[in-house]
């Protein structure tokens, strides 16, 4: 659980860091960064993939 929280906080920080770039590109970039952090935290690829899909759908 601590790894997931750390990954979320890390990804949130990355998301805030890329807000100065164009909205469409930064949204997808943030989704990719969150996915990488999720995988790095040891979460299954299926769960991370589902979260990434949801994130990308929110970009549209």
Protein backbone atom coordinates (compact mmCIF):
# COMPACT_ATOMS: atom_id res chain seq x y z
CA UNK A 1 0.00 0.00 0.00
CA UNK A 2 2.84 2.41 0.79
CA UNK A 3 4.33 1.83 -2.67
CA UNK A 4 1.03 2.74 -4.31
CA UNK A 5 0.77 5.90 -2.23
CA UNK A 6 4.35 6.86 -3.07
CA UNK A 7 3.70 6.22 -6.77
CA UNK A 8 0.55 8.32 -6.66
CA UNK A 9 2.31 11.21 -4.95
CA UNK A 10 5.21 10.97 -7.39
CA UNK A 11 2.85 10.93 -10.37
CA UNK A 12 0.85 13.80 -8.95
CA UNK A 13 4.03 15.83 -8.66
CA UNK A 14 4.89 15.02 -12.25
CA UNK A 15 1.41 15.97 -13.32
CA UNK A 16 1.77 19.35 -11.67
CA UNK A 17 5.21 19.82 -13.20
CA UNK A 18 3.96 19.42 -16.76
CA UNK A 19 0.98 21.77 -16.52
CA UNK A 20 2.91 24.53 -18.28
CA UNK A 21 2.93 22.58 -21.56
CA UNK A 22 -0.02 22.42 -23.99
CA UNK A 23 -3.01 20.79 -22.31
CA UNK A 24 -3.58 17.89 -24.70
CA UNK A 25 0.06 16.79 -24.80
CA UNK A 26 0.60 17.30 -21.08
CA UNK A 27 -2.45 15.21 -20.21
CA UNK A 28 -1.17 12.22 -22.15
CA UNK A 29 2.34 12.81 -20.82
CA UNK A 30 1.00 12.78 -17.27
CA UNK A 31 -0.86 9.53 -17.98
CA UNK A 32 2.34 7.96 -19.27
CA UNK A 33 4.30 9.18 -16.24
CA UNK A 34 1.66 7.79 -13.88
CA UNK A 35 1.78 4.44 -15.73
CA UNK A 36 5.58 4.27 -15.41
CA UNK A 37 5.38 5.10 -11.69
CA UNK A 38 2.66 2.48 -11.24
CA UNK A 39 4.79 -0.20 -12.91
CA UNK A 40 7.88 0.88 -10.96
CA UNK A 41 5.90 0.49 -7.74
CA UNK A 42 5.37 -3.19 -8.57
CA UNK A 43 1.68 -2.98 -9.42
CA UNK A 44 0.47 -5.45 -12.04
CA UNK A 45 0.55 -4.32 -15.67
CA UNK A 46 -3.17 -5.07 -15.99
CA UNK A 47 -4.07 -2.73 -13.12
CA UNK A 48 -1.69 -0.01 -14.31
CA UNK A 49 -3.01 -0.37 -17.85
CA UNK A 50 -6.58 0.06 -16.67
CA UNK A 51 -5.63 3.19 -14.75
CA UNK A 52 -3.78 4.56 -17.78
CA UNK A 53 -6.78 3.94 -20.02
CA UNK A 54 -9.04 5.78 -17.60
CA UNK A 55 -6.55 8.63 -17.42
CA UNK A 56 -6.32 8.92 -21.19
CA UNK A 57 -10.10 8.90 -21.53
CA UNK A 58 -10.25 11.86 -19.17
CA UNK A 59 -7.86 13.72 -21.51
CA UNK A 60 -10.47 13.81 -24.26
